[in-house]
Amino acid sequence: MRIIAGKYRGRNLKSPPSLEVRPTSERLRETLFNVIAPRIEGARFLDLCAGSGAVGIEALSRGASDVTFIDKSRKMCALVEANLDLCRVLEEQTKVVQADAADYLSRSRKQKAALWDIVFFDPPYATDYLSVLKLIGSTTGQLIAEEGLLIVEHHHKNGLPDELGSIIRSRTLKQGDSALSFFSMKR
């Protein structure tokens, strides 16, 4: 795995030691960042189920102001930290939190944390996506900025709702067995 473009371009990242973790492929990451390129500069980016941290580090490389990496595995959080060190990312630009995605979002809502510009959610494909989507789409305690974006990576056969609370799917891109669904706030 390597960083594709930007400040950290070409840097090789450590891969997860387990086959249970499915990193986002370079090709899919490139597609993702081609789509969100106009929004990434200065964005607050949340990488839910971060794994190796490749997507969040790519966001930093391309100009995101800060990235929060969330993963429930202590080993994956350590891997994210190692990859941040490999790229020599400034500590003040990142936060690595060991937590379940839904728990983290619930706490953020209660604490009235600053809104995210871009949220990338890539859990294991067998995960129940709805609990996190419901939290993000909830009409109480907004988590995404009005012009913000939620991107969900999922198996292309995993049907996600087109609309949930305050979010609506605007686009789906398929690549191999994977798909990226883009959600924005309803207007």
N, C-alpha and C. Protein backbone atom coordinates (compact mmCIF):
# COMPACT_ATOMS: atom_id res chain seq x y z
N MET A 1 0.84 -1.18 0.00
CA MET A 1 0.00 0.00 0.00
C MET A 1 0.88 1.23 0.00
N ARG A 2 0.47 2.19 -0.81
CA ARG A 2 1.22 3.44 -0.86
C ARG A 2 0.25 4.61 -0.99
N ILE A 3 0.75 5.80 -0.66
CA ILE A 3 -0.03 7.02 -0.82
C ILE A 3 0.07 7.42 -2.30
N ILE A 4 -1.07 7.74 -2.90
CA ILE A 4 -1.16 7.93 -4.34
C ILE A 4 -0.74 9.33 -4.79
N ALA A 5 -1.18 10.36 -4.06
CA ALA A 5 -0.91 11.72 -4.53
C ALA A 5 -0.76 12.68 -3.35
N GLY A 6 -0.28 13.88 -3.66
CA GLY A 6 -0.18 14.92 -2.65
C GLY A 6 1.15 14.94 -1.93
N LYS A 7 1.13 15.56 -0.77
CA LYS A 7 2.31 15.81 0.05
C LYS A 7 3.09 14.53 0.39
N TYR A 8 2.40 13.43 0.64
CA TYR A 8 3.06 12.18 1.04
C TYR A 8 3.11 11.16 -0.10
N ARG A 9 2.92 11.62 -1.31
CA ARG A 9 2.88 10.74 -2.48
C ARG A 9 4.06 9.77 -2.52
N GLY A 10 3.72 8.51 -2.83
CA GLY A 10 4.74 7.48 -2.98
C GLY A 10 5.19 6.82 -1.69
N ARG A 11 4.79 7.36 -0.55
CA ARG A 11 5.18 6.74 0.73
C ARG A 11 4.49 5.38 0.87
N ASN A 12 5.26 4.38 1.22
CA ASN A 12 4.70 3.05 1.45
C ASN A 12 4.20 2.94 2.87
N LEU A 13 3.04 2.32 3.02
CA LEU A 13 2.44 2.13 4.34
C LEU A 13 2.54 0.67 4.76
N LYS A 14 2.56 0.47 6.06
CA LYS A 14 2.51 -0.89 6.58
C LYS A 14 1.10 -1.42 6.38
N SER A 15 1.00 -2.69 6.01
CA SER A 15 -0.29 -3.34 5.79
C SER A 15 -0.75 -4.07 7.04
N PRO A 16 -2.06 -4.26 7.17
CA PRO A 16 -2.57 -5.05 8.30
C PRO A 16 -2.01 -6.47 8.24
N PRO A 17 -1.64 -7.02 9.40
CA PRO A 17 -1.05 -8.37 9.42
C PRO A 17 -2.09 -9.47 9.19
N SER A 18 -3.35 -9.15 9.35
CA SER A 18 -4.40 -10.15 9.28
C SER A 18 -5.18 -10.05 7.99
N LEU A 19 -5.61 -11.17 7.47
CA LEU A 19 -6.45 -11.18 6.28
C LEU A 19 -7.88 -10.80 6.61
N GLU A 20 -8.20 -10.67 7.91
CA GLU A 20 -9.54 -10.26 8.32
C GLU A 20 -9.79 -8.79 8.01
N VAL A 21 -8.73 -8.01 7.87
CA VAL A 21 -8.85 -6.59 7.57
C VAL A 21 -8.69 -6.43 6.06
N ARG A 22 -9.63 -5.73 5.44
CA ARG A 22 -9.67 -5.54 4.00
C ARG A 22 -9.38 -4.07 3.69
N PRO A 23 -8.12 -3.72 3.41
CA PRO A 23 -7.82 -2.33 3.12
C PRO A 23 -8.47 -1.88 1.81
N THR A 24 -8.83 -0.61 1.73
CA THR A 24 -9.36 -0.05 0.50
C THR A 24 -8.24 -0.09 -0.55
N SER A 25 -8.54 -0.66 -1.69
CA SER A 25 -7.52 -0.82 -2.74
C SER A 25 -7.05 0.55 -3.24
N GLU A 26 -5.84 0.58 -3.79
CA GLU A 26 -5.30 1.82 -4.34
C GLU A 26 -6.22 2.37 -5.42
N ARG A 27 -6.72 1.48 -6.26
CA ARG A 27 -7.58 1.90 -7.36
C ARG A 27 -8.87 2.55 -6.85
N LEU A 28 -9.47 1.94 -5.82
CA LEU A 28 -10.69 2.50 -5.26
C LEU A 28 -10.42 3.82 -4.53
N ARG A 29 -9.26 3.89 -3.84
CA ARG A 29 -8.88 5.15 -3.18
C ARG A 29 -8.69 6.26 -4.21
N GLU A 30 -8.06 5.92 -5.33
CA GLU A 30 -7.86 6.91 -6.38
C GLU A 30 -9.20 7.40 -6.93
N THR A 31 -10.13 6.48 -7.15
CA THR A 31 -11.47 6.86 -7.61
C THR A 31 -12.15 7.77 -6.58
N LEU A 32 -12.09 7.37 -5.32
CA LEU A 32 -12.68 8.16 -4.24
C LEU A 32 -12.15 9.59 -4.24
N PHE A 33 -10.83 9.73 -4.28
CA PHE A 33 -10.24 11.06 -4.17
C PHE A 33 -10.39 11.88 -5.45
N ASN A 34 -10.57 11.22 -6.59
CA ASN A 34 -10.89 11.97 -7.82
C ASN A 34 -12.27 12.61 -7.67
N VAL A 35 -13.19 11.91 -7.04
CA VAL A 35 -14.55 12.44 -6.86
C VAL A 35 -14.59 13.57 -5.83
N ILE A 36 -13.89 13.40 -4.72
CA ILE A 36 -13.97 14.39 -3.63
C ILE A 36 -12.89 15.47 -3.71
N ALA A 37 -12.06 15.47 -4.74
CA ALA A 37 -10.94 16.42 -4.86
C ALA A 37 -11.34 17.87 -4.60
N PRO A 38 -12.46 18.36 -5.14
CA PRO A 38 -12.81 19.77 -4.90
C PRO A 38 -13.17 20.08 -3.45
N ARG A 39 -13.45 19.05 -2.65
CA ARG A 39 -13.90 19.26 -1.27
C ARG A 39 -12.82 19.01 -0.22
N ILE A 40 -11.68 18.46 -0.61
CA ILE A 40 -10.73 17.94 0.38
C ILE A 40 -9.87 19.05 1.02
N GLU A 41 -9.51 20.08 0.28
CA GLU A 41 -8.64 21.13 0.81
C GLU A 41 -9.27 21.78 2.04
N GLY A 42 -8.57 21.68 3.19
CA GLY A 42 -9.03 22.30 4.43
C GLY A 42 -10.16 21.56 5.14
N ALA A 43 -10.54 20.39 4.65
CA ALA A 43 -11.67 19.65 5.23
C ALA A 43 -11.31 18.97 6.55
N ARG A 44 -12.31 18.88 7.43
CA ARG A 44 -12.21 18.06 8.63
C ARG A 44 -12.69 16.67 8.22
N PHE A 45 -11.85 15.66 8.35
CA PHE A 45 -12.09 14.33 7.79
C PHE A 45 -12.15 13.31 8.92
N LEU A 46 -13.17 12.47 8.89
CA LEU A 46 -13.33 11.40 9.88
C LEU A 46 -13.23 10.06 9.16
N ASP A 47 -12.27 9.24 9.57
CA ASP A 47 -12.04 7.92 8.98
C ASP A 47 -12.54 6.87 9.98
N LEU A 48 -13.78 6.41 9.77
CA LEU A 48 -14.40 5.41 10.66
C LEU A 48 -14.02 4.01 10.20
N CYS A 49 -13.62 3.16 11.15
CA CYS A 49 -13.12 1.81 10.84
C CYS A 49 -11.87 1.97 9.98
N ALA A 50 -10.90 2.70 10.51
CA ALA A 50 -9.74 3.18 9.77
C ALA A 50 -8.79 2.09 9.27
N GLY A 51 -8.72 0.95 9.96
CA GLY A 51 -7.79 -0.10 9.52
C GLY A 51 -6.36 0.41 9.53
N SER A 52 -5.71 0.44 8.37
CA SER A 52 -4.32 0.89 8.27
C SER A 52 -4.21 2.41 8.30
N GLY A 53 -5.32 3.10 8.09
CA GLY A 53 -5.30 4.56 8.04
C GLY A 53 -5.01 5.13 6.66
N ALA A 54 -4.92 4.27 5.64
CA ALA A 54 -4.53 4.71 4.30
C ALA A 54 -5.46 5.79 3.74
N VAL A 55 -6.76 5.67 3.94
CA VAL A 55 -7.70 6.66 3.40
C VAL A 55 -7.52 8.01 4.10
N GLY A 56 -7.44 8.00 5.41
CA GLY A 56 -7.24 9.25 6.15
C GLY A 56 -5.90 9.90 5.86
N ILE A 57 -4.85 9.11 5.72
CA ILE A 57 -3.53 9.66 5.39
C ILE A 57 -3.54 10.23 3.98
N GLU A 58 -4.23 9.56 3.07
CA GLU A 58 -4.39 10.10 1.70
C GLU A 58 -5.11 11.45 1.75
N ALA A 59 -6.13 11.56 2.62
CA ALA A 59 -6.84 12.83 2.77
C ALA A 59 -5.89 13.94 3.26
N LEU A 60 -5.06 13.62 4.25
CA LEU A 60 -4.09 14.60 4.75
C LEU A 60 -3.10 14.98 3.64
N SER A 61 -2.65 13.98 2.90
CA SER A 61 -1.70 14.20 1.83
C SER A 61 -2.24 15.16 0.78
N ARG A 62 -3.57 15.11 0.59
CA ARG A 62 -4.22 15.94 -0.44
C ARG A 62 -4.79 17.25 0.12
N GLY A 63 -4.53 17.56 1.39
CA GLY A 63 -4.87 18.88 1.89
C GLY A 63 -5.93 18.98 2.97
N ALA A 64 -6.43 17.85 3.49
CA ALA A 64 -7.38 17.92 4.61
C ALA A 64 -6.68 18.61 5.78
N SER A 65 -7.43 19.41 6.53
CA SER A 65 -6.82 20.14 7.65
C SER A 65 -6.49 19.23 8.82
N ASP A 66 -7.38 18.27 9.08
CA ASP A 66 -7.14 17.31 10.15
C ASP A 66 -7.97 16.05 9.91
N VAL A 67 -7.48 14.96 10.47
CA VAL A 67 -8.16 13.67 10.32
C VAL A 67 -8.23 12.98 11.67
N THR A 68 -9.41 12.46 11.98
CA THR A 68 -9.59 11.61 13.15
C THR A 68 -9.79 10.19 12.65
N PHE A 69 -8.98 9.29 13.18
CA PHE A 69 -9.02 7.87 12.81
C PHE A 69 -9.69 7.10 13.94
N ILE A 70 -10.74 6.35 13.62
CA ILE A 70 -11.45 5.55 14.61
C ILE A 70 -11.36 4.09 14.22
N ASP A 71 -10.95 3.24 15.14
CA ASP A 71 -10.98 1.80 14.92
C ASP A 71 -11.14 1.13 16.28
N LYS A 72 -11.92 0.05 16.31
CA LYS A 72 -12.15 -0.61 17.60
C LYS A 72 -11.01 -1.53 18.00
N SER A 73 -10.11 -1.84 17.07
CA SER A 73 -8.98 -2.73 17.35
C SER A 73 -7.76 -1.95 17.81
N ARG A 74 -7.22 -2.35 18.93
CA ARG A 74 -6.00 -1.73 19.46
C ARG A 74 -4.85 -1.91 18.45
N LYS A 75 -4.78 -3.09 17.81
CA LYS A 75 -3.71 -3.36 16.84
C LYS A 75 -3.82 -2.43 15.63
N MET A 76 -5.03 -2.19 15.18
CA MET A 76 -5.22 -1.31 14.02
C MET A 76 -4.88 0.13 14.38
N CYS A 77 -5.22 0.56 15.59
CA CYS A 77 -4.85 1.92 16.03
C CYS A 77 -3.33 2.07 16.08
N ALA A 78 -2.64 1.03 16.54
CA ALA A 78 -1.17 1.06 16.56
C ALA A 78 -0.62 1.10 15.13
N LEU A 79 -1.27 0.39 14.21
CA LEU A 79 -0.85 0.41 12.81
C LEU A 79 -1.05 1.81 12.20
N VAL A 80 -2.17 2.45 12.50
CA VAL A 80 -2.40 3.82 12.03
C VAL A 80 -1.28 4.73 12.55
N GLU A 81 -0.99 4.64 13.84
CA GLU A 81 0.08 5.46 14.45
C GLU A 81 1.41 5.21 13.75
N ALA A 82 1.72 3.94 13.47
CA ALA A 82 2.98 3.61 12.78
C ALA A 82 3.01 4.22 11.38
N ASN A 83 1.89 4.16 10.67
CA ASN A 83 1.83 4.73 9.32
C ASN A 83 1.91 6.25 9.35
N LEU A 84 1.32 6.88 10.35
CA LEU A 84 1.44 8.33 10.50
C LEU A 84 2.90 8.71 10.74
N ASP A 85 3.60 7.91 11.57
CA ASP A 85 5.02 8.16 11.84
C ASP A 85 5.85 7.97 10.57
N LEU A 86 5.54 6.93 9.79
CA LEU A 86 6.26 6.68 8.53
C LEU A 86 6.16 7.88 7.59
N CYS A 87 5.00 8.51 7.56
CA CYS A 87 4.77 9.66 6.68
C CYS A 87 5.19 10.97 7.31
N ARG A 88 5.57 10.92 8.58
CA ARG A 88 5.97 12.12 9.35
C ARG A 88 4.86 13.17 9.36
N VAL A 89 3.65 12.71 9.64
CA VAL A 89 2.49 13.60 9.73
C VAL A 89 2.56 14.34 11.06
N LEU A 90 2.23 15.61 11.04
CA LEU A 90 2.23 16.42 12.26
C LEU A 90 1.16 15.92 13.23
N GLU A 91 1.52 15.76 14.49
CA GLU A 91 0.59 15.26 15.50
C GLU A 91 -0.66 16.11 15.64
N GLU A 92 -0.53 17.43 15.50
CA GLU A 92 -1.68 18.30 15.69
C GLU A 92 -2.72 18.15 14.57
N GLN A 93 -2.39 17.46 13.51
CA GLN A 93 -3.32 17.24 12.41
C GLN A 93 -4.13 15.96 12.57
N THR A 94 -3.78 15.14 13.56
CA THR A 94 -4.42 13.83 13.66
C THR A 94 -4.83 13.48 15.08
N LYS A 95 -5.79 12.58 15.13
CA LYS A 95 -6.22 12.01 16.40
C LYS A 95 -6.56 10.56 16.09
N VAL A 96 -6.05 9.63 16.88
CA VAL A 96 -6.34 8.21 16.71
C VAL A 96 -7.09 7.75 17.96
N VAL A 97 -8.29 7.20 17.75
CA VAL A 97 -9.15 6.81 18.87
C VAL A 97 -9.55 5.35 18.71
N GLN A 98 -9.30 4.58 19.78
CA GLN A 98 -9.77 3.20 19.79
C GLN A 98 -11.20 3.21 20.31
N ALA A 99 -12.15 2.94 19.41
CA ALA A 99 -13.56 2.94 19.80
C ALA A 99 -14.39 2.29 18.69
N ASP A 100 -15.54 1.81 19.06
CA ASP A 100 -16.53 1.35 18.11
C ASP A 100 -17.08 2.59 17.39
N ALA A 101 -17.32 2.48 16.09
CA ALA A 101 -17.77 3.64 15.30
C ALA A 101 -19.05 4.25 15.86
N ALA A 102 -20.06 3.42 16.13
CA ALA A 102 -21.34 3.93 16.64
C ALA A 102 -21.16 4.58 18.01
N ASP A 103 -20.36 3.98 18.88
CA ASP A 103 -20.11 4.57 20.20
C ASP A 103 -19.44 5.93 20.08
N TYR A 104 -18.45 6.02 19.20
CA TYR A 104 -17.74 7.28 19.01
C TYR A 104 -18.69 8.37 18.51
N LEU A 105 -19.53 8.03 17.53
CA LEU A 105 -20.48 9.02 17.00
C LEU A 105 -21.49 9.46 18.06
N SER A 106 -21.95 8.52 18.88
CA SER A 106 -22.89 8.86 19.96
C SER A 106 -22.25 9.83 20.94
N ARG A 107 -21.00 9.56 21.32
CA ARG A 107 -20.29 10.46 22.25
C ARG A 107 -20.08 11.84 21.61
N SER A 108 -19.72 11.85 20.32
CA SER A 108 -19.50 13.12 19.62
C SER A 108 -20.76 13.96 19.60
N ARG A 109 -21.90 13.31 19.40
CA ARG A 109 -23.18 14.03 19.37
C ARG A 109 -23.46 14.62 20.75
N LYS A 110 -23.27 13.83 21.81
CA LYS A 110 -23.53 14.31 23.17
C LYS A 110 -22.62 15.47 23.54
N GLN A 111 -21.36 15.42 23.06
CA GLN A 111 -20.39 16.46 23.38
C GLN A 111 -20.52 17.67 22.45
N LYS A 112 -21.44 17.56 21.49
CA LYS A 112 -21.64 18.63 20.49
C LYS A 112 -20.31 19.02 19.85
N ALA A 113 -19.59 17.98 19.40
CA ALA A 113 -18.28 18.16 18.75
C ALA A 113 -18.46 18.94 17.45
N ALA A 114 -17.36 19.53 16.97
CA ALA A 114 -17.38 20.25 15.69
C ALA A 114 -17.83 19.31 14.58
N LEU A 115 -18.53 19.85 13.60
CA LEU A 115 -19.06 19.04 12.51
C LEU A 115 -17.95 18.59 11.55
N TRP A 116 -18.16 17.43 10.94
CA TRP A 116 -17.21 16.87 9.98
C TRP A 116 -17.60 17.33 8.58
N ASP A 117 -16.60 17.61 7.76
CA ASP A 117 -16.85 17.95 6.36
C ASP A 117 -16.99 16.68 5.52
N ILE A 118 -16.15 15.68 5.84
CA ILE A 118 -16.18 14.41 5.11
C ILE A 118 -16.04 13.28 6.11
N VAL A 119 -16.94 12.31 6.02
CA VAL A 119 -16.87 11.10 6.84
C VAL A 119 -16.74 9.92 5.90
N PHE A 120 -15.70 9.10 6.12
CA PHE A 120 -15.51 7.89 5.34
C PHE A 120 -15.73 6.71 6.26
N PHE A 121 -16.67 5.85 5.91
CA PHE A 121 -17.06 4.70 6.74
C PHE A 121 -16.83 3.42 5.96
N ASP A 122 -15.86 2.60 6.43
CA ASP A 122 -15.48 1.37 5.73
C ASP A 122 -15.33 0.22 6.73
N PRO A 123 -16.47 -0.28 7.22
CA PRO A 123 -16.39 -1.39 8.17
C PRO A 123 -16.21 -2.73 7.43
N PRO A 124 -15.95 -3.81 8.18
CA PRO A 124 -15.97 -5.13 7.53
C PRO A 124 -17.31 -5.31 6.83
N TYR A 125 -17.30 -5.94 5.66
CA TYR A 125 -18.52 -6.05 4.86
C TYR A 125 -19.67 -6.75 5.58
N ALA A 126 -19.38 -7.61 6.55
CA ALA A 126 -20.44 -8.33 7.26
C ALA A 126 -21.09 -7.49 8.36
N THR A 127 -20.61 -6.28 8.56
CA THR A 127 -21.11 -5.39 9.62
C THR A 127 -22.52 -4.90 9.31
N ASP A 128 -23.28 -4.60 10.37
CA ASP A 128 -24.57 -3.94 10.21
C ASP A 128 -24.29 -2.45 10.04
N TYR A 129 -24.44 -1.96 8.85
CA TYR A 129 -24.16 -0.56 8.52
C TYR A 129 -25.20 0.39 9.09
N LEU A 130 -26.42 -0.10 9.28
CA LEU A 130 -27.54 0.78 9.60
C LEU A 130 -27.38 1.56 10.90
N SER A 131 -26.78 0.96 11.93
CA SER A 131 -26.65 1.68 13.20
C SER A 131 -25.84 2.97 13.03
N VAL A 132 -24.76 2.90 12.26
CA VAL A 132 -23.93 4.09 12.03
C VAL A 132 -24.65 5.06 11.10
N LEU A 133 -25.27 4.54 10.05
CA LEU A 133 -26.00 5.41 9.12
C LEU A 133 -27.14 6.15 9.82
N LYS A 134 -27.83 5.46 10.73
CA LYS A 134 -28.92 6.11 11.49
C LYS A 134 -28.38 7.22 12.38
N LEU A 135 -27.23 6.99 13.01
CA LEU A 135 -26.63 8.03 13.86
C LEU A 135 -26.25 9.26 13.04
N ILE A 136 -25.65 9.04 11.89
CA ILE A 136 -25.23 10.15 11.05
C ILE A 136 -26.45 10.86 10.45
N GLY A 137 -27.46 10.09 10.09
CA GLY A 137 -28.65 10.67 9.49
C GLY A 137 -29.67 11.23 10.48
N SER A 138 -29.43 11.02 11.76
CA SER A 138 -30.37 11.49 12.77
C SER A 138 -30.61 13.00 12.65
N THR A 139 -31.84 13.39 12.87
CA THR A 139 -32.18 14.82 12.78
C THR A 139 -31.86 15.57 14.06
N THR A 140 -31.47 14.85 15.11
CA THR A 140 -31.05 15.52 16.35
C THR A 140 -29.55 15.38 16.51
N GLY A 141 -28.88 16.45 16.78
CA GLY A 141 -27.43 16.41 17.00
C GLY A 141 -26.65 16.11 15.74
N GLN A 142 -26.69 17.00 14.80
CA GLN A 142 -26.02 16.85 13.51
C GLN A 142 -24.53 16.55 13.68
N LEU A 143 -23.98 15.66 12.84
CA LEU A 143 -22.56 15.29 12.89
C LEU A 143 -21.79 15.76 11.66
N ILE A 144 -22.51 15.98 10.54
CA ILE A 144 -21.89 16.39 9.29
C ILE A 144 -22.32 17.81 8.96
N ALA A 145 -21.37 18.59 8.45
CA ALA A 145 -21.66 19.96 8.04
C ALA A 145 -22.74 19.97 6.95
N GLU A 146 -23.44 21.10 6.81
CA GLU A 146 -24.52 21.22 5.82
C GLU A 146 -24.07 20.82 4.42
N GLU A 147 -22.88 21.18 4.04
CA GLU A 147 -22.34 20.84 2.71
C GLU A 147 -21.45 19.60 2.79
N GLY A 148 -21.52 18.89 3.92
CA GLY A 148 -20.67 17.74 4.16
C GLY A 148 -21.06 16.52 3.34
N LEU A 149 -20.22 15.50 3.48
CA LEU A 149 -20.37 14.29 2.68
C LEU A 149 -20.05 13.07 3.53
N LEU A 150 -20.89 12.05 3.40
CA LEU A 150 -20.63 10.74 4.00
C LEU A 150 -20.37 9.79 2.86
N ILE A 151 -19.24 9.08 2.91
CA ILE A 151 -18.92 8.08 1.90
C ILE A 151 -18.85 6.74 2.61
N VAL A 152 -19.59 5.76 2.09
CA VAL A 152 -19.63 4.43 2.68
C VAL A 152 -19.07 3.43 1.67
N GLU A 153 -18.02 2.72 2.07
CA GLU A 153 -17.52 1.62 1.24
C GLU A 153 -18.23 0.36 1.67
N HIS A 154 -18.75 -0.39 0.71
CA HIS A 154 -19.50 -1.61 1.02
C HIS A 154 -19.41 -2.59 -0.14
N HIS A 155 -19.79 -3.84 0.12
CA HIS A 155 -19.87 -4.83 -0.95
C HIS A 155 -20.96 -4.38 -1.91
N HIS A 156 -20.71 -4.51 -3.21
CA HIS A 156 -21.66 -3.98 -4.19
C HIS A 156 -23.04 -4.63 -4.10
N LYS A 157 -23.13 -5.83 -3.50
CA LYS A 157 -24.44 -6.48 -3.35
C LYS A 157 -25.13 -6.11 -2.04
N ASN A 158 -24.45 -5.39 -1.18
CA ASN A 158 -25.02 -4.96 0.11
C ASN A 158 -25.88 -3.72 -0.15
N GLY A 159 -27.18 -3.92 -0.10
CA GLY A 159 -28.09 -2.81 -0.36
C GLY A 159 -28.19 -1.86 0.82
N LEU A 160 -27.89 -0.61 0.58
CA LEU A 160 -28.03 0.42 1.60
C LEU A 160 -29.24 1.27 1.25
N PRO A 161 -29.91 1.84 2.24
CA PRO A 161 -31.07 2.69 1.94
C PRO A 161 -30.62 3.95 1.18
N ASP A 162 -31.47 4.44 0.30
CA ASP A 162 -31.15 5.66 -0.44
C ASP A 162 -31.32 6.91 0.41
N GLU A 163 -32.11 6.78 1.47
CA GLU A 163 -32.43 7.92 2.31
C GLU A 163 -32.57 7.42 3.74
N LEU A 164 -32.01 8.17 4.67
CA LEU A 164 -32.12 7.79 6.08
C LEU A 164 -32.05 9.06 6.93
N GLY A 165 -33.18 9.44 7.50
CA GLY A 165 -33.21 10.66 8.31
C GLY A 165 -32.86 11.87 7.48
N SER A 166 -31.77 12.55 7.84
CA SER A 166 -31.39 13.79 7.17
C SER A 166 -30.38 13.60 6.04
N ILE A 167 -30.03 12.34 5.73
CA ILE A 167 -29.07 12.11 4.64
C ILE A 167 -29.74 11.38 3.48
N ILE A 168 -29.21 11.67 2.28
CA ILE A 168 -29.74 11.06 1.07
C ILE A 168 -28.56 10.67 0.16
N ARG A 169 -28.68 9.48 -0.44
CA ARG A 169 -27.62 9.01 -1.32
C ARG A 169 -27.71 9.76 -2.65
N SER A 170 -26.57 10.28 -3.09
CA SER A 170 -26.54 11.03 -4.34
C SER A 170 -25.83 10.28 -5.46
N ARG A 171 -25.04 9.28 -5.08
CA ARG A 171 -24.24 8.60 -6.08
C ARG A 171 -23.71 7.28 -5.54
N THR A 172 -23.56 6.29 -6.42
CA THR A 172 -22.90 5.04 -6.08
C THR A 172 -21.93 4.69 -7.20
N LEU A 173 -20.70 4.39 -6.83
CA LEU A 173 -19.69 3.96 -7.79
C LEU A 173 -19.29 2.53 -7.46
N LYS A 174 -19.31 1.65 -8.46
CA LYS A 174 -18.92 0.26 -8.25
C LYS A 174 -17.58 0.01 -8.90
N GLN A 175 -16.76 -0.79 -8.20
CA GLN A 175 -15.45 -1.17 -8.72
C GLN A 175 -15.14 -2.56 -8.19
N GLY A 176 -15.14 -3.56 -9.05
CA GLY A 176 -14.95 -4.94 -8.61
C GLY A 176 -16.09 -5.33 -7.68
N ASP A 177 -15.75 -5.93 -6.54
CA ASP A 177 -16.75 -6.32 -5.54
C ASP A 177 -17.14 -5.18 -4.62
N SER A 178 -16.43 -4.07 -4.70
CA SER A 178 -16.66 -2.94 -3.80
C SER A 178 -17.50 -1.86 -4.46
N ALA A 179 -18.16 -1.08 -3.60
CA ALA A 179 -18.92 0.08 -4.05
C ALA A 179 -18.70 1.21 -3.07
N LEU A 180 -18.78 2.43 -3.57
CA LEU A 180 -18.75 3.62 -2.75
C LEU A 180 -20.10 4.31 -2.90
N SER A 181 -20.80 4.50 -1.78
CA SER A 181 -22.04 5.26 -1.78
C SER A 181 -21.80 6.61 -1.15
N PHE A 182 -22.23 7.67 -1.85
CA PHE A 182 -22.03 9.04 -1.41
C PHE A 182 -23.35 9.59 -0.91
N PHE A 183 -23.37 10.06 0.34
CA PHE A 183 -24.56 10.63 0.96
C PHE A 183 -24.29 12.09 1.31
N SER A 184 -25.30 12.92 1.16
CA SER A 184 -25.19 14.31 1.59
C SER A 184 -26.41 14.68 2.40
N MET A 185 -26.39 15.83 3.00
CA MET A 185 -27.51 16.30 3.80
C MET A 185 -28.65 16.68 2.86
N LYS A 186 -29.88 16.36 3.28
CA LYS A 186 -31.06 16.75 2.49
C LYS A 186 -31.16 18.26 2.51
N ARG A 187 -31.64 18.79 1.45
CA ARG A 187 -31.80 20.26 1.37
C ARG A 187 -33.26 20.61 1.39
